[in-house]
Amino acid sequence: MSIEVQNLSFSYGDRPVLHDISFRVEKGEFLSILGPNGVGKSTLFRCVLGLLSGYTGQVLVDSADSRSFSVREAARHIAYIPQSSHPIFNYSVFDIVLMGRTSGLSTFRSPRKQDAELCRWALEKVGIPHLSDRCFHRLSGGEQQLVLIARALVQKAPILMLDEPTASLDFGNQLRVLEQCRSLAREGYTVIQTTHNPEQSYQYSDRILTLQHGRVLAEGTPKEVLTEKTIRALYGVEVDVVSLRDDRARICLPSNISIKEGHL
């Protein structure tokens, strides 16, 4: 399922935040929205998710205007995975994942056997079935993020939107979460993440969109976007972008670091 944003602009009162944002993500693509703090990444997500309604422009899901969706219909199309979740009660991992079925249940109906089976499938898919009975609060940050991805999967929504999914995770858990996201895109999910990390965007994304001052600075393939010119404009710092392993990876280094030939 594709999602397209057309000429979207948004202001908080008299303060413009987003200016004429347009992009399209096809089924099976992994798009990273890259940019520094305060450029409007989270606001853009809230507009796409229908949490903010005062925007101009359109958000189209398979050519249908998302404004026409009810809350339940929107949840059947798009699943949102936040940076973190802090439930008040002491829920188990299985219960947290089961909450993702609310969009598929009618009012006052209890979860059925097939809902429980779907939860077990999702936990297996993200590689954490052994955590099913654990207390969500006692998991590591990476484990919690995988639980939230599993919860999104049981929504059966074809579009997954992740708000800085690797924020505050250690390096190993960052890679595990991103590997899972890329795997889901390869299976046909439409995956969109916001991120601060240029190098991980390059390695895991099909396309990158960069935001600067609420506007699209650059959009394209990782090789087209992750350049010294773009990173310098985006973050206001002097960097050298160095290619590794036949350009399968790129790293951003401060320009004042000397690189001797053969050291990379």
Protein backbone atom coordinates (compact mmCIF):
# COMPACT_ATOMS: atom_id res chain seq x y z
CA MET A 1 0.00 0.00 0.00
CA SER A 2 1.41 3.40 -0.98
CA ILE A 3 1.23 6.63 0.97
CA GLU A 4 1.64 10.06 -0.60
CA VAL A 5 1.96 13.48 1.01
CA GLN A 6 1.07 16.35 -1.31
CA ASN A 7 2.01 19.98 -0.61
CA LEU A 8 1.49 19.63 3.15
CA SER A 9 1.94 22.74 5.28
CA PHE A 10 1.19 23.23 8.95
CA SER A 11 1.46 26.01 11.55
CA TYR A 12 1.11 26.12 15.32
CA GLY A 13 -0.90 29.33 15.54
CA ASP A 14 1.18 32.00 13.83
CA ARG A 15 4.34 29.87 13.78
CA PRO A 16 4.83 27.96 10.50
CA VAL A 17 6.40 24.53 11.02
CA LEU A 18 6.00 22.62 7.75
CA HIS A 19 6.18 24.20 4.30
CA ASP A 20 4.89 22.49 1.15
CA ILE A 21 6.09 18.95 1.98
CA SER A 22 5.61 16.38 -0.78
CA PHE A 23 6.81 12.77 -1.06
CA ARG A 24 5.54 9.31 -1.92
CA VAL A 25 6.42 5.91 -0.45
CA GLU A 26 5.54 2.76 -2.34
CA LYS A 27 4.66 -0.67 -1.02
CA GLY A 28 7.80 -2.46 0.12
CA GLU A 29 9.90 0.71 0.49
CA PHE A 30 11.79 1.85 3.57
CA LEU A 31 11.97 5.65 3.78
CA SER A 32 14.05 7.48 6.38
CA ILE A 33 13.13 11.08 7.20
CA LEU A 34 16.38 12.63 8.39
CA GLY A 35 17.00 15.94 10.08
CA PRO A 36 18.07 17.71 13.27
CA ASN A 37 15.83 18.49 16.22
CA GLY A 38 13.04 20.99 15.68
CA VAL A 39 12.68 20.72 11.90
CA GLY A 40 9.16 19.28 12.02
CA LYS A 41 9.68 15.51 11.75
CA SER A 42 7.32 14.65 14.61
CA THR A 43 4.78 17.25 13.46
CA LEU A 44 4.82 15.70 10.00
CA PHE A 45 4.12 12.29 11.53
CA ARG A 46 1.21 13.70 13.55
CA CYS A 47 -0.32 15.21 10.42
CA VAL A 48 0.02 11.96 8.47
CA LEU A 49 -1.47 9.99 11.38
CA GLY A 50 -4.42 12.37 11.61
CA LEU A 51 -3.48 13.56 15.11
CA LEU A 52 -3.18 17.12 13.77
CA SER A 53 -5.96 18.22 11.45
CA GLY A 54 -5.19 21.85 10.69
CA TYR A 55 -2.79 21.22 7.82
CA THR A 56 -3.20 22.23 4.19
CA GLY A 57 -2.44 19.78 1.40
CA GLN A 58 -3.31 16.09 1.34
CA VAL A 59 -2.25 12.74 2.74
CA LEU A 60 -3.28 9.99 0.34
CA VAL A 61 -3.31 6.29 1.22
CA ASP A 62 -3.63 4.30 -2.00
CA SER A 63 -5.09 7.47 -3.55
CA ALA A 64 -7.74 7.86 -0.79
CA ASP A 65 -7.66 11.08 1.26
CA SER A 66 -6.85 10.07 4.83
CA ARG A 67 -9.19 12.79 6.13
CA SER A 68 -12.08 10.55 5.08
CA PHE A 69 -10.97 7.73 7.42
CA SER A 70 -12.54 7.08 10.79
CA VAL A 71 -10.14 6.38 13.67
CA ARG A 72 -10.72 2.65 13.24
CA GLU A 73 -10.20 2.82 9.47
CA ALA A 74 -6.99 4.81 9.88
CA ALA A 75 -5.66 2.17 12.29
CA ARG A 76 -6.31 -0.52 9.68
CA HIS A 77 -4.12 1.33 7.20
CA ILE A 78 -1.31 2.81 9.34
CA ALA A 79 0.37 1.50 12.50
CA TYR A 80 2.41 3.90 14.62
CA ILE A 81 5.42 2.80 16.67
CA PRO A 82 6.48 5.52 19.16
CA GLN A 83 9.97 6.03 20.59
CA SER A 84 8.86 4.46 23.86
CA SER A 85 5.76 3.44 25.76
CA HIS A 86 5.14 3.67 29.49
CA PRO A 87 1.90 1.88 30.37
CA ILE A 88 0.56 2.70 33.82
CA PHE A 89 -0.19 -0.89 34.75
CA ASN A 90 2.15 -3.84 34.99
CA TYR A 91 1.24 -5.50 31.67
CA SER A 92 2.95 -8.56 30.27
CA VAL A 93 4.56 -8.45 26.83
CA PHE A 94 1.74 -10.61 25.48
CA ASP A 95 -0.88 -8.17 26.79
CA ILE A 96 0.93 -5.19 25.27
CA VAL A 97 0.96 -6.90 21.87
CA LEU A 98 -2.68 -7.95 22.22
CA MET A 99 -3.62 -4.27 22.58
CA GLY A 100 -2.75 -3.90 18.91
CA ARG A 101 -5.89 -5.88 18.08
CA THR A 102 -8.25 -3.16 19.33
CA SER A 103 -8.76 -1.80 15.80
CA GLY A 104 -9.91 -5.24 14.69
CA LEU A 105 -12.36 -5.81 17.54
CA SER A 106 -15.89 -4.53 17.70
CA THR A 107 -17.06 -2.66 20.80
CA PHE A 108 -17.38 -4.86 23.92
CA ARG A 109 -15.99 -7.92 22.13
CA SER A 110 -13.30 -9.91 23.90
CA PRO A 111 -10.19 -11.14 22.06
CA ARG A 112 -10.69 -14.47 20.34
CA LYS A 113 -8.43 -17.47 19.93
CA GLN A 114 -7.24 -16.18 16.55
CA ASP A 115 -6.26 -12.86 18.15
CA ALA A 116 -4.03 -14.72 20.61
CA GLU A 117 -2.56 -16.77 17.76
CA LEU A 118 -1.82 -13.57 15.85
CA CYS A 119 0.02 -12.19 18.88
CA ARG A 120 2.15 -15.31 19.14
CA TRP A 121 2.91 -15.03 15.40
CA ALA A 122 4.01 -11.39 15.78
CA LEU A 123 6.27 -12.16 18.75
CA GLU A 124 7.84 -15.01 16.79
CA LYS A 125 8.29 -12.79 13.75
CA VAL A 126 10.31 -10.17 15.63
CA GLY A 127 12.29 -12.85 17.45
CA ILE A 128 11.05 -12.44 21.01
CA PRO A 129 8.54 -15.25 21.73
CA HIS A 130 10.53 -16.08 24.89
CA LEU A 131 9.55 -12.68 26.33
CA SER A 132 5.81 -13.32 26.11
CA ASP A 133 5.19 -13.62 29.86
CA ARG A 134 7.76 -11.03 30.95
CA CYS A 135 6.76 -7.70 32.46
CA PHE A 136 7.05 -4.99 29.80
CA HIS A 137 8.55 -2.52 32.31
CA ARG A 138 11.45 -4.86 33.03
CA LEU A 139 12.65 -5.22 29.44
CA SER A 140 15.60 -3.43 27.92
CA GLY A 141 14.93 -0.50 25.59
CA GLY A 142 15.64 -2.62 22.52
CA GLU A 143 13.33 -5.40 23.69
CA GLN A 144 10.58 -2.88 24.38
CA GLN A 145 10.96 -1.45 20.88
CA LEU A 146 10.60 -4.92 19.35
CA VAL A 147 7.46 -5.47 21.45
CA LEU A 148 6.00 -2.24 20.06
CA ILE A 149 6.79 -3.41 16.52
CA ALA A 150 5.02 -6.70 17.27
CA ARG A 151 2.03 -4.73 18.58
CA ALA A 152 1.95 -2.78 15.31
CA LEU A 153 2.09 -5.98 13.27
CA VAL A 154 -1.04 -7.44 14.88
CA GLN A 155 -2.94 -4.35 13.70
CA LYS A 156 -2.49 -5.88 10.24
CA ALA A 157 -1.84 -2.38 8.88
CA PRO A 158 0.33 -2.36 5.73
CA ILE A 159 2.00 0.98 6.57
CA LEU A 160 4.36 1.23 9.56
CA MET A 161 5.49 4.61 10.89
CA LEU A 162 8.30 4.63 13.45
CA ASP A 163 9.26 7.78 15.34
CA GLU A 164 13.02 7.61 16.00
CA PRO A 165 12.89 3.86 16.75
CA THR A 166 16.56 3.62 17.76
CA ALA A 167 16.64 6.68 20.04
CA SER A 168 18.29 5.85 23.41
CA LEU A 169 19.11 2.28 22.35
CA ASP A 170 22.58 0.80 22.60
CA PHE A 171 24.39 0.00 19.35
CA GLY A 172 23.42 -3.67 19.24
CA ASN A 173 19.73 -2.97 19.77
CA GLN A 174 19.81 -0.20 17.18
CA LEU A 175 20.98 -2.70 14.58
CA ARG A 176 18.44 -5.34 15.65
CA VAL A 177 15.54 -2.90 15.34
CA LEU A 178 16.71 -1.56 11.97
CA GLU A 179 17.29 -5.07 10.61
CA GLN A 180 13.72 -5.89 11.60
CA CYS A 181 12.39 -2.76 9.89
CA ARG A 182 14.26 -3.52 6.68
CA SER A 183 13.07 -7.13 6.76
CA LEU A 184 9.45 -5.98 7.07
CA ALA A 185 9.87 -3.67 4.08
CA ARG A 186 11.24 -6.57 2.05
CA GLU A 187 8.11 -8.51 2.93
CA GLY A 188 5.90 -5.79 1.47
CA TYR A 189 5.24 -3.40 4.34
CA THR A 190 5.57 0.32 3.64
CA VAL A 191 7.99 1.53 6.33
CA ILE A 192 8.70 5.15 7.28
CA GLN A 193 11.01 6.18 10.11
CA THR A 194 12.24 9.49 11.48
CA THR A 195 15.88 9.50 12.54
CA HIS A 196 18.91 11.58 13.49
CA ASN A 197 21.43 9.08 12.16
CA PRO A 198 22.71 9.68 8.59
CA GLU A 199 24.91 6.60 8.48
CA GLN A 200 22.19 4.16 9.53
CA SER A 201 19.81 5.83 7.10
CA TYR A 202 22.29 5.10 4.33
CA GLN A 203 22.74 1.46 5.27
CA TYR A 204 19.12 0.45 5.82
CA SER A 205 16.88 2.73 3.75
CA ASP A 206 15.71 2.53 0.16
CA ARG A 207 15.27 6.30 0.10
CA ILE A 208 16.07 9.25 2.35
CA LEU A 209 14.17 12.52 2.72
CA THR A 210 15.91 15.33 4.58
CA LEU A 211 14.06 18.17 6.34
CA GLN A 212 15.55 21.57 7.06
CA HIS A 213 13.53 24.39 8.64
CA GLY A 214 10.32 22.54 7.84
CA ARG A 215 11.11 22.15 4.15
CA VAL A 216 12.40 19.26 2.05
CA LEU A 217 16.11 19.84 1.52
CA ALA A 218 16.82 16.69 -0.49
CA GLU A 219 15.12 13.43 -1.41
CA GLY A 220 16.36 10.38 -3.26
CA THR A 221 18.37 7.21 -2.92
CA PRO A 222 20.89 7.02 -0.06
CA LYS A 223 23.76 7.51 -2.53
CA GLU A 224 22.11 10.63 -3.94
CA VAL A 225 21.27 12.19 -0.58
CA LEU A 226 24.06 11.32 1.84
CA THR A 227 26.68 13.73 0.53
CA GLU A 228 28.95 16.26 2.15
CA LYS A 229 26.91 19.12 0.68
CA THR A 230 23.63 17.82 2.11
CA ILE A 231 25.00 16.96 5.57
CA ARG A 232 26.74 20.32 5.88
CA ALA A 233 23.55 22.15 4.92
CA LEU A 234 21.40 19.99 7.16
CA TYR A 235 23.45 20.19 10.37
CA GLY A 236 25.60 23.27 9.82
CA VAL A 237 28.88 21.42 10.36
CA GLU A 238 31.89 20.72 8.16
CA VAL A 239 32.12 17.01 7.41
CA ASP A 240 33.76 14.60 5.03
CA VAL A 241 31.54 11.73 3.87
CA VAL A 242 33.71 8.64 3.48
CA SER A 243 32.66 5.56 1.49
CA LEU A 244 33.38 2.08 2.82
CA ARG A 245 33.15 -1.42 1.37
CA ASP A 246 32.61 -0.40 -2.24
CA ASP A 247 30.15 2.30 -1.15
CA ARG A 248 27.88 -0.13 0.70
CA ALA A 249 28.33 2.12 3.73
CA ARG A 250 29.21 5.76 4.33
CA ILE A 251 30.40 7.52 7.46
CA CYS A 252 30.42 11.21 8.30
CA LEU A 253 33.63 12.52 9.86
CA PRO A 254 34.48 16.02 11.07
CA SER A 255 36.57 17.70 8.37
CA ASN A 256 39.40 18.41 10.82
CA ILE A 257 40.14 14.68 11.22
CA SER A 258 43.00 13.54 9.04
CA ILE A 259 42.41 10.29 7.17
CA LYS A 260 45.47 8.43 5.99
CA GLU A 261 45.14 6.27 2.93
CA GLY A 262 44.55 2.64 3.81
CA HIS A 263 43.27 3.32 7.32
CA LEU A 264 39.63 2.74 6.38
